[in-house]
Protein backbone atom coordinates (compact mmCIF):
# COMPACT_ATOMS: atom_id res chain seq x y z
CA MET A 1 153.41 101.04 94.80
CA PRO A 2 155.72 98.88 94.16
CA PRO A 3 156.38 95.71 96.02
CA ILE A 4 158.24 96.57 99.72
CA ILE A 5 161.28 93.57 99.13
CA ASP A 6 163.29 92.58 102.35
CA PRO A 7 166.80 92.96 101.82
CA HIS A 8 167.17 89.62 102.78
CA ILE A 9 165.79 88.88 99.84
CA LEU A 10 168.37 90.82 97.67
CA ARG A 11 170.92 89.85 99.70
CA SER A 12 170.56 85.92 98.43
CA LEU A 13 169.19 87.00 95.16
CA HIS A 14 172.50 88.94 94.47
CA ARG A 15 175.02 86.40 96.57
CA SER A 16 173.28 83.11 93.76
CA GLU A 17 173.26 83.27 90.09
CA LEU A 18 171.51 79.69 90.14
CA ARG A 19 168.69 81.42 92.39
CA ARG A 20 168.28 83.96 90.09
CA ARG A 21 167.80 81.66 86.99
CA ILE A 22 165.33 79.15 88.58
CA LEU A 23 163.66 82.07 90.15
CA HIS A 24 163.57 83.86 86.05
CA TYR A 25 162.76 80.21 85.21
CA LEU A 26 160.16 79.73 87.58
CA TYR A 27 158.67 83.57 86.58
CA GLU A 28 158.20 82.12 82.56
CA ILE A 29 156.32 79.09 82.89
CA TYR A 30 154.12 80.59 85.92
CA PRO A 31 151.25 80.05 86.91
CA SER A 32 152.46 76.25 86.20
CA ALA A 33 154.13 74.36 88.37
CA THR A 34 157.01 72.02 88.14
CA TYR A 35 159.79 69.11 89.46
CA LEU A 36 163.06 69.69 90.87
CA SER A 37 164.88 67.85 87.76
CA GLU A 38 163.47 69.99 85.38
CA ILE A 39 164.57 72.59 86.61
CA ALA A 40 168.52 71.79 86.64
CA ARG A 41 168.26 70.96 82.88
CA VAL A 42 166.54 74.10 82.17
CA VAL A 43 169.23 76.26 84.41
CA SER A 44 172.53 74.20 83.63
CA SER A 45 172.70 72.97 87.31
CA ASP A 46 173.46 69.49 89.20
CA PRO A 47 169.72 68.57 91.28
CA SER A 48 171.58 68.77 94.22
CA ASN A 49 172.21 72.29 93.80
CA VAL A 50 168.98 73.32 92.55
CA ARG A 51 167.56 71.86 96.06
CA GLY A 52 169.83 73.59 97.65
CA ALA A 53 168.73 76.47 96.06
CA LEU A 54 165.52 76.27 96.73
CA VAL A 55 164.95 74.66 100.20
CA GLY A 56 168.45 74.42 101.44
CA LEU A 57 171.35 72.20 101.86
CA GLY A 58 174.34 72.04 103.98
CA ASN A 59 176.85 74.82 104.90
CA ARG A 60 176.67 75.52 101.17
CA TYR A 61 173.80 76.54 100.60
CA ASN A 62 171.51 77.53 104.12
CA SER A 63 167.74 77.67 104.60
CA GLU A 64 166.99 80.78 105.89
CA SER A 65 168.67 81.90 101.79
CA SER A 66 166.43 79.76 100.43
CA LEU A 67 163.61 80.36 97.91
CA VAL A 68 161.08 78.61 99.90
CA TYR A 69 162.04 80.08 103.01
CA LEU A 70 161.63 83.28 101.89
CA GLY A 71 158.85 82.97 100.37
CA LEU A 72 159.19 83.75 96.81
CA VAL A 73 158.82 79.76 95.68
CA GLU A 74 156.49 77.54 97.72
CA GLU A 75 156.56 73.81 97.18
CA ILE A 76 153.62 71.27 96.64
CA VAL A 77 153.88 67.36 97.57
CA ASN A 78 151.11 66.04 95.43
CA ASN A 79 151.07 61.99 95.65
CA GLY A 80 154.09 61.81 97.51
CA PHE A 81 156.26 63.81 94.65
CA LYS A 82 157.43 67.78 95.41
CA TYR A 83 156.44 70.55 92.79
CA TYR A 84 158.12 73.84 92.68
CA ARG A 85 155.82 77.36 91.55
CA LEU A 86 156.72 80.78 92.00
CA THR A 87 154.68 82.87 94.67
CA GLU A 88 152.69 85.94 94.29
CA TYR A 89 155.15 87.76 95.96
CA GLY A 90 158.07 85.88 94.25
CA LYS A 91 156.11 86.53 90.78
CA LYS A 92 156.04 90.58 92.41
CA VAL A 93 160.04 90.39 93.02
CA VAL A 94 161.14 89.55 89.62
CA GLU A 95 159.30 91.11 88.03
CA MET A 96 160.66 94.45 90.69
CA LEU A 97 163.99 92.95 89.69
CA LYS A 98 163.48 92.46 85.26
CA ASP A 99 163.02 97.32 86.11
CA TYR A 100 165.93 97.31 88.53
CA GLN A 101 168.63 95.67 86.41
CA THR A 102 166.87 97.85 83.15
CA TYR A 103 167.32 100.62 85.23
CA TYR A 104 170.34 100.48 85.99
CA ARG A 105 172.09 98.67 83.07
CA LYS A 106 171.86 102.50 81.48
CA PHE A 107 174.84 103.43 83.74
CA MET A 108 177.19 100.53 83.29
C-alpha cells in the first residue's frame, strides 16, 4: 500500500526546489546523516537557505513547512553538533515522488 502523504507536505515540496534537492540528496546517502554545510555544498545553495528549508528561518522559510517539522528529516544533536538524516517516512515520500514524476513525465 502506498504511503498516505499529507497535502501540506506535497504543497511544501512543490513550492521549494531546494527542499526537493535536499530530500533527494539525503535519500541518496540514507541511512547516513550529514551536517548542514555538507548539504549546502552538495545541493549548491547557501547554508542559511538550507537551514531555512530544514528547520525554518523567519518569513522566507516558515517552520511549519520545514522538512524537520513535516517529519521528513530528523535533526540529530551529538556532542553539540547537529546532523540531519532522512526519516523512514521521508524515504517513502521520496520514493513516491520518484514514481509520481516518472508517471507524469509521459504526459509532458
